[in-house]
Amino acid sequence: RGSYHLEEAAIAGHPGARYNLAVNEKTFERALKHLIIAVNLGCDRSIQMLKECYKNGFVSKEDFAAALRAHQAAVDATK
């Protein structure tokens, strides 16, 4: 039941819910997709986790750079 509400919140655009879906996801590829979407929505926790994935070689330099730009754009849009 909790995962249903989490998924609904993520679909509605809640960055924290997207982050939580990434943390709770069983497959790495899906978790990474959730994480990138959360980064694109401006979630700070997600950018930190994505940075760790990049440092450990799970995310390419290009994908990480694109995510950083999208994160900055989302943060700037909320100002």
N, C-alpha and C. Protein backbone atom coordinates (compact mmCIF):
# COMPACT_ATOMS: atom_id res chain seq x y z
N ARG A 1 0.82 -1.19 0.00
CA ARG A 1 0.00 0.00 0.00
C ARG A 1 0.86 1.26 0.00
N GLY A 2 1.92 1.27 0.78
CA GLY A 2 2.81 2.42 0.82
C GLY A 2 3.50 2.68 -0.50
N SER A 3 3.87 1.60 -1.19
CA SER A 3 4.54 1.77 -2.48
C SER A 3 3.59 2.35 -3.51
N TYR A 4 2.30 2.04 -3.41
CA TYR A 4 1.32 2.60 -4.33
C TYR A 4 1.30 4.12 -4.20
N HIS A 5 1.23 4.60 -2.98
CA HIS A 5 1.18 6.05 -2.75
C HIS A 5 2.49 6.71 -3.15
N LEU A 6 3.59 6.02 -2.93
CA LEU A 6 4.89 6.53 -3.34
C LEU A 6 4.96 6.67 -4.85
N GLU A 7 4.47 5.67 -5.56
CA GLU A 7 4.45 5.73 -7.02
C GLU A 7 3.53 6.83 -7.52
N GLU A 8 2.39 7.00 -6.88
CA GLU A 8 1.47 8.07 -7.26
C GLU A 8 2.11 9.44 -7.07
N ALA A 9 2.80 9.62 -5.96
CA ALA A 9 3.47 10.90 -5.69
C ALA A 9 4.58 11.14 -6.71
N ALA A 10 5.30 10.10 -7.06
CA ALA A 10 6.38 10.23 -8.04
C ALA A 10 5.81 10.60 -9.41
N ILE A 11 4.71 9.96 -9.79
CA ILE A 11 4.08 10.28 -11.06
C ILE A 11 3.60 11.73 -11.07
N ALA A 12 3.16 12.21 -9.91
CA ALA A 12 2.68 13.60 -9.80
C ALA A 12 3.82 14.61 -9.80
N GLY A 13 5.07 14.13 -9.74
CA GLY A 13 6.21 15.03 -9.84
C GLY A 13 6.89 15.38 -8.53
N HIS A 14 6.68 14.58 -7.50
CA HIS A 14 7.32 14.85 -6.21
C HIS A 14 8.74 14.27 -6.22
N PRO A 15 9.77 15.14 -6.16
CA PRO A 15 11.16 14.65 -6.26
C PRO A 15 11.56 13.69 -5.14
N GLY A 16 11.11 13.95 -3.93
CA GLY A 16 11.45 13.07 -2.81
C GLY A 16 10.88 11.67 -2.99
N ALA A 17 9.68 11.60 -3.55
CA ALA A 17 9.08 10.29 -3.80
C ALA A 17 9.88 9.54 -4.86
N ARG A 18 10.34 10.25 -5.88
CA ARG A 18 11.15 9.64 -6.93
C ARG A 18 12.45 9.11 -6.33
N TYR A 19 13.07 9.89 -5.45
CA TYR A 19 14.30 9.47 -4.76
C TYR A 19 14.03 8.19 -3.96
N ASN A 20 12.93 8.17 -3.23
CA ASN A 20 12.60 6.99 -2.43
C ASN A 20 12.34 5.77 -3.29
N LEU A 21 11.72 5.97 -4.44
CA LEU A 21 11.54 4.85 -5.37
C LEU A 21 12.89 4.31 -5.83
N ALA A 22 13.83 5.21 -6.09
CA ALA A 22 15.17 4.79 -6.51
C ALA A 22 15.85 3.97 -5.41
N VAL A 23 15.73 4.42 -4.19
CA VAL A 23 16.37 3.72 -3.07
C VAL A 23 15.74 2.34 -2.86
N ASN A 24 14.44 2.24 -3.06
CA ASN A 24 13.74 0.99 -2.80
C ASN A 24 13.66 0.05 -4.01
N GLU A 25 14.13 0.52 -5.15
CA GLU A 25 14.05 -0.29 -6.39
C GLU A 25 14.98 -1.49 -6.30
N LYS A 26 14.52 -2.61 -6.83
CA LYS A 26 15.31 -3.84 -6.76
C LYS A 26 16.33 -3.96 -7.89
N THR A 27 16.02 -3.42 -9.07
CA THR A 27 16.96 -3.49 -10.18
C THR A 27 17.71 -2.16 -10.31
N PHE A 28 19.01 -2.27 -10.55
CA PHE A 28 19.85 -1.08 -10.60
C PHE A 28 19.45 -0.15 -11.74
N GLU A 29 19.12 -0.71 -12.90
CA GLU A 29 18.79 0.13 -14.05
C GLU A 29 17.56 0.99 -13.78
N ARG A 30 16.54 0.39 -13.19
CA ARG A 30 15.33 1.16 -12.86
C ARG A 30 15.61 2.17 -11.77
N ALA A 31 16.42 1.79 -10.79
CA ALA A 31 16.78 2.72 -9.72
C ALA A 31 17.50 3.93 -10.30
N LEU A 32 18.38 3.69 -11.24
CA LEU A 32 19.13 4.78 -11.87
C LEU A 32 18.19 5.71 -12.65
N LYS A 33 17.20 5.14 -13.32
CA LYS A 33 16.23 5.96 -14.04
C LYS A 33 15.43 6.84 -13.08
N HIS A 34 14.99 6.26 -11.97
CA HIS A 34 14.27 7.05 -10.96
C HIS A 34 15.16 8.16 -10.41
N LEU A 35 16.41 7.82 -10.19
CA LEU A 35 17.36 8.79 -9.64
C LEU A 35 17.57 9.95 -10.60
N ILE A 36 17.74 9.66 -11.87
CA ILE A 36 17.95 10.72 -12.86
C ILE A 36 16.71 11.61 -12.98
N ILE A 37 15.53 11.01 -12.91
CA ILE A 37 14.31 11.81 -12.96
C ILE A 37 14.24 12.72 -11.73
N ALA A 38 14.58 12.20 -10.56
CA ALA A 38 14.58 13.01 -9.35
C ALA A 38 15.59 14.15 -9.44
N VAL A 39 16.74 13.87 -10.02
CA VAL A 39 17.76 14.92 -10.22
C VAL A 39 17.20 16.00 -11.14
N ASN A 40 16.52 15.58 -12.21
CA ASN A 40 15.94 16.53 -13.15
C ASN A 40 14.87 17.40 -12.50
N LEU A 41 14.28 16.90 -11.40
CA LEU A 41 13.27 17.66 -10.68
C LEU A 41 13.89 18.54 -9.59
N GLY A 42 15.22 18.45 -9.42
CA GLY A 42 15.92 19.32 -8.48
C GLY A 42 16.16 18.73 -7.10
N CYS A 43 16.08 17.43 -6.96
CA CYS A 43 16.28 16.77 -5.66
C CYS A 43 17.77 16.72 -5.31
N ASP A 44 18.14 17.37 -4.21
CA ASP A 44 19.55 17.44 -3.80
C ASP A 44 20.09 16.08 -3.35
N ARG A 45 19.28 15.30 -2.64
CA ARG A 45 19.74 13.97 -2.21
C ARG A 45 20.06 13.10 -3.41
N SER A 46 19.27 13.26 -4.46
CA SER A 46 19.47 12.44 -5.66
C SER A 46 20.76 12.79 -6.37
N ILE A 47 21.08 14.08 -6.42
CA ILE A 47 22.32 14.47 -7.11
C ILE A 47 23.53 13.95 -6.34
N GLN A 48 23.43 13.89 -5.01
CA GLN A 48 24.53 13.33 -4.22
C GLN A 48 24.69 11.83 -4.48
N MET A 49 23.56 11.12 -4.56
CA MET A 49 23.64 9.69 -4.84
C MET A 49 24.14 9.43 -6.26
N LEU A 50 23.70 10.25 -7.20
CA LEU A 50 24.16 10.09 -8.58
C LEU A 50 25.66 10.38 -8.67
N LYS A 51 26.14 11.32 -7.89
CA LYS A 51 27.57 11.63 -7.85
C LYS A 51 28.36 10.42 -7.38
N GLU A 52 27.84 9.73 -6.38
CA GLU A 52 28.50 8.51 -5.90
C GLU A 52 28.50 7.42 -6.99
N CYS A 53 27.40 7.32 -7.71
CA CYS A 53 27.33 6.34 -8.80
C CYS A 53 28.36 6.69 -9.88
N TYR A 54 28.52 7.97 -10.16
CA TYR A 54 29.51 8.41 -11.15
C TYR A 54 30.93 8.09 -10.66
N LYS A 55 31.21 8.39 -9.41
CA LYS A 55 32.54 8.12 -8.85
C LYS A 55 32.90 6.64 -8.92
N ASN A 56 31.88 5.80 -8.76
CA ASN A 56 32.10 4.35 -8.78
C ASN A 56 31.99 3.73 -10.17
N GLY A 57 31.81 4.58 -11.18
CA GLY A 57 31.82 4.11 -12.56
C GLY A 57 30.51 3.56 -13.09
N PHE A 58 29.41 3.80 -12.39
CA PHE A 58 28.12 3.29 -12.83
C PHE A 58 27.39 4.25 -13.76
N VAL A 59 27.85 5.50 -13.82
CA VAL A 59 27.22 6.53 -14.66
C VAL A 59 28.31 7.17 -15.50
N SER A 60 28.03 7.37 -16.77
CA SER A 60 29.04 7.98 -17.65
C SER A 60 29.20 9.47 -17.34
N LYS A 61 30.33 10.00 -17.76
CA LYS A 61 30.62 11.42 -17.56
C LYS A 61 29.57 12.29 -18.25
N GLU A 62 29.17 11.89 -19.45
CA GLU A 62 28.18 12.65 -20.21
C GLU A 62 26.82 12.65 -19.52
N ASP A 63 26.40 11.49 -19.04
CA ASP A 63 25.11 11.39 -18.36
C ASP A 63 25.12 12.20 -17.06
N PHE A 64 26.24 12.14 -16.34
CA PHE A 64 26.34 12.90 -15.09
C PHE A 64 26.33 14.40 -15.36
N ALA A 65 27.04 14.83 -16.39
CA ALA A 65 27.07 16.25 -16.75
C ALA A 65 25.68 16.74 -17.17
N ALA A 66 24.97 15.94 -17.94
CA ALA A 66 23.61 16.30 -18.36
C ALA A 66 22.69 16.39 -17.14
N ALA A 67 22.84 15.46 -16.21
CA ALA A 67 22.02 15.48 -15.00
C ALA A 67 22.33 16.72 -14.15
N LEU A 68 23.61 17.08 -14.07
CA LEU A 68 23.99 18.29 -13.32
C LEU A 68 23.36 19.54 -13.92
N ARG A 69 23.39 19.63 -15.24
CA ARG A 69 22.78 20.79 -15.92
C ARG A 69 21.28 20.84 -15.67
N ALA A 70 20.63 19.68 -15.76
CA ALA A 70 19.18 19.63 -15.55
C ALA A 70 18.84 19.97 -14.10
N HIS A 71 19.65 19.49 -13.16
CA HIS A 71 19.42 19.80 -11.75
C HIS A 71 19.55 21.29 -11.51
N GLN A 72 20.59 21.90 -12.06
CA GLN A 72 20.79 23.33 -11.88
C GLN A 72 19.64 24.12 -12.49
N ALA A 73 19.16 23.70 -13.65
CA ALA A 73 18.04 24.37 -14.29
C ALA A 73 16.78 24.27 -13.44
N ALA A 74 16.55 23.10 -12.82
CA ALA A 74 15.38 22.92 -11.97
C ALA A 74 15.48 23.80 -10.73
N VAL A 75 16.68 23.86 -10.14
CA VAL A 75 16.88 24.70 -8.95
C VAL A 75 16.69 26.18 -9.31
N ASP A 76 17.24 26.59 -10.44
CA ASP A 76 17.09 27.98 -10.87
C ASP A 76 15.63 28.33 -11.15
N ALA A 77 14.88 27.38 -11.67
CA ALA A 77 13.47 27.63 -11.99
C ALA A 77 12.62 27.83 -10.74
N THR A 78 13.07 27.30 -9.62
CA THR A 78 12.30 27.44 -8.38
C THR A 78 12.64 28.71 -7.62
N LYS A 79 13.63 29.45 -8.09
CA LYS A 79 14.02 30.69 -7.39
C LYS A 79 13.13 31.84 -7.79
